[in-house]
Amino acid sequence: MAEVTVRARIEAPAEKVWDRLTDFDSYGQWNATHTDFPKGGPHPLEVGAAYEENMKLMGFPAEVTWTVRELAPGRLLDVKGKGPMGVSLGMRYELTPDGEATAVRIDGTFTGAAVSLMAAKLKDSASAALNESLRKLAGLMA
């Protein structure tokens, strides 16, 4: 298993960050691993909604089928995914208001036989991608 946690303070209210985080039409503007939603993102965004995403993980293309596990609009989006080679993924986005800014935390988990062979490299790659994603997301708030 590989687990990754990244955090950032974004200078925008939580509602504005949430709106961008869940605007799946513009996901590629900030999400460093995203390449496409072949059938669109989850519409409507609700617990149990499933959607497909084309991504790049460690530089390789990957198709992931996501399902929304938990949702608290404006505060929390938790999704689980099934990827190639039996890899299971989890992404949890938490937003916490911090005055006029927002503390954003992303937790990612990767499990499966293929992950155990490359856990350290996957953790490094995912950390870099998630930090880049937060930097881009913050840049869109200006």
Protein backbone atom coordinates (compact mmCIF):
# COMPACT_ATOMS: atom_id res chain seq x y z
CA MET A 1 0.00 0.00 0.00
CA ALA A 2 1.06 3.56 -0.64
CA GLU A 3 -0.47 6.48 1.24
CA VAL A 4 0.01 10.15 0.50
CA THR A 5 -1.19 13.28 2.28
CA VAL A 6 -0.69 16.81 1.00
CA ARG A 7 -1.90 20.10 2.44
CA ALA A 8 -2.10 23.70 1.33
CA ARG A 9 -3.64 26.96 2.48
CA ILE A 10 -5.49 28.56 -0.41
CA GLU A 11 -6.29 32.26 -0.25
CA ALA A 12 -9.99 31.93 -1.11
CA PRO A 13 -13.18 31.06 0.75
CA ALA A 14 -14.05 27.35 1.00
CA GLU A 15 -17.13 27.79 -1.22
CA LYS A 16 -15.01 29.14 -4.07
CA VAL A 17 -12.42 26.36 -3.70
CA TRP A 18 -15.22 23.76 -3.57
CA ASP A 19 -16.84 25.16 -6.71
CA ARG A 20 -13.55 24.77 -8.63
CA LEU A 21 -12.77 21.38 -7.08
CA THR A 22 -16.13 20.01 -8.24
CA ASP A 23 -16.26 21.75 -11.64
CA PHE A 24 -15.44 18.62 -13.60
CA ASP A 25 -15.54 20.47 -16.94
CA SER A 26 -12.40 22.40 -15.90
CA TYR A 27 -10.71 19.60 -13.92
CA GLY A 28 -7.73 19.49 -16.26
CA GLN A 29 -6.86 23.11 -15.44
CA TRP A 30 -5.61 22.14 -12.00
CA ASN A 31 -5.51 18.34 -11.58
CA ALA A 32 -2.00 17.26 -12.60
CA THR A 33 -2.93 13.60 -13.17
CA HIS A 34 -6.18 14.17 -15.10
CA THR A 35 -6.33 13.76 -18.87
CA ASP A 36 -10.04 13.25 -19.65
CA PHE A 37 -13.49 12.22 -18.47
CA PRO A 38 -14.54 10.04 -21.42
CA LYS A 39 -18.21 10.14 -20.36
CA GLY A 40 -18.18 13.31 -18.25
CA GLY A 41 -17.69 13.60 -14.51
CA PRO A 42 -20.22 12.55 -11.88
CA HIS A 43 -23.51 14.27 -12.68
CA PRO A 44 -25.19 14.69 -10.36
CA LEU A 45 -22.46 14.69 -7.73
CA GLU A 46 -23.90 12.44 -5.03
CA VAL A 47 -22.94 9.43 -2.91
CA GLY A 48 -22.89 6.35 -5.13
CA ALA A 49 -22.31 8.29 -8.36
CA ALA A 50 -19.83 6.49 -10.62
CA TYR A 51 -17.69 7.96 -13.38
CA GLU A 52 -14.65 7.13 -15.49
CA GLU A 53 -11.45 9.15 -15.64
CA ASN A 54 -8.40 8.85 -17.85
CA MET A 55 -5.29 9.74 -15.87
CA LYS A 56 -1.53 9.58 -15.92
CA LEU A 57 0.00 7.79 -12.97
CA MET A 58 3.80 7.74 -12.81
CA GLY A 59 3.79 8.90 -16.43
CA PHE A 60 1.67 5.98 -17.65
CA PRO A 61 -1.91 6.29 -18.92
CA ALA A 62 -4.51 4.71 -16.64
CA GLU A 63 -8.26 4.35 -16.82
CA VAL A 64 -9.94 4.56 -13.41
CA THR A 65 -13.58 3.99 -12.52
CA TRP A 66 -14.46 6.12 -9.50
CA THR A 67 -17.40 5.92 -7.09
CA VAL A 68 -18.32 8.68 -4.63
CA ARG A 69 -18.11 7.21 -1.11
CA GLU A 70 -18.76 10.29 1.00
CA LEU A 71 -19.90 13.81 0.24
CA ALA A 72 -20.41 16.90 2.40
CA PRO A 73 -20.91 19.77 -0.07
CA GLY A 74 -18.43 22.55 0.49
CA ARG A 75 -16.30 20.44 2.84
CA LEU A 76 -15.60 16.83 1.78
CA LEU A 77 -15.38 14.67 -1.32
CA ASP A 78 -14.22 11.07 -0.86
CA VAL A 79 -13.99 8.74 -3.85
CA LYS A 80 -12.76 5.18 -4.39
CA GLY A 81 -11.48 3.89 -7.69
CA LYS A 82 -10.55 0.77 -9.57
CA GLY A 83 -7.57 1.12 -11.88
CA PRO A 84 -5.48 -1.10 -14.12
CA MET A 85 -3.68 -4.23 -12.89
CA GLY A 86 -6.00 -4.64 -9.89
CA VAL A 87 -4.98 -1.33 -8.32
CA SER A 88 -7.51 0.26 -5.96
CA LEU A 89 -7.33 3.98 -5.32
CA GLY A 90 -8.86 6.33 -2.79
CA MET A 91 -8.90 10.12 -2.86
CA ARG A 92 -10.25 12.25 -0.03
CA TYR A 93 -10.47 16.03 -0.44
CA GLU A 94 -11.18 17.98 2.77
CA LEU A 95 -11.74 21.73 2.93
CA THR A 96 -11.61 23.63 6.22
CA PRO A 97 -12.39 27.36 6.35
CA ASP A 98 -9.48 29.36 7.75
CA GLY A 99 -10.61 32.98 7.99
CA GLU A 100 -10.83 34.27 4.41
CA ALA A 101 -8.71 31.32 3.25
CA THR A 102 -9.21 27.55 3.08
CA ALA A 103 -7.05 24.74 4.41
CA VAL A 104 -7.11 21.94 1.83
CA ARG A 105 -6.02 18.39 2.62
CA ILE A 106 -5.85 15.57 0.09
CA ASP A 107 -5.32 11.98 1.21
CA GLY A 108 -4.57 9.39 -1.44
CA THR A 109 -4.30 5.63 -1.00
CA PHE A 110 -3.16 3.02 -3.50
CA THR A 111 -3.48 -0.72 -2.88
CA GLY A 112 -3.04 -3.91 -4.88
CA ALA A 113 -0.31 -6.36 -5.82
CA ALA A 114 1.21 -4.01 -8.41
CA VAL A 115 1.45 -1.24 -5.80
CA SER A 116 3.59 -3.32 -3.44
CA LEU A 117 6.24 -3.65 -6.14
CA MET A 118 6.56 0.10 -6.63
CA ALA A 119 5.11 1.68 -3.47
CA ALA A 120 7.99 4.11 -2.82
CA LYS A 121 8.09 5.39 -6.40
CA LEU A 122 4.29 5.67 -6.53
CA LYS A 123 4.25 7.59 -3.25
CA ASP A 124 6.86 10.07 -4.54
CA SER A 125 5.08 10.49 -7.88
CA ALA A 126 1.64 10.91 -6.28
CA SER A 127 2.98 13.42 -3.71
CA ALA A 128 4.53 15.52 -6.48
CA ALA A 129 1.36 15.40 -8.60
CA LEU A 130 -0.94 16.28 -5.70
CA ASN A 131 1.28 19.16 -4.58
CA GLU A 132 1.34 20.45 -8.17
CA SER A 133 -2.45 20.11 -8.31
CA LEU A 134 -2.88 22.19 -5.15
CA ARG A 135 -0.50 24.83 -6.48
CA LYS A 136 -2.52 25.06 -9.71
CA LEU A 137 -5.83 25.09 -7.82
CA ALA A 138 -4.58 27.96 -5.67
CA GLY A 139 -3.48 29.83 -8.81
CA LEU A 140 -7.00 29.61 -10.23
CA MET A 141 -8.39 31.36 -7.14
CA ALA A 142 -6.55 34.64 -7.83
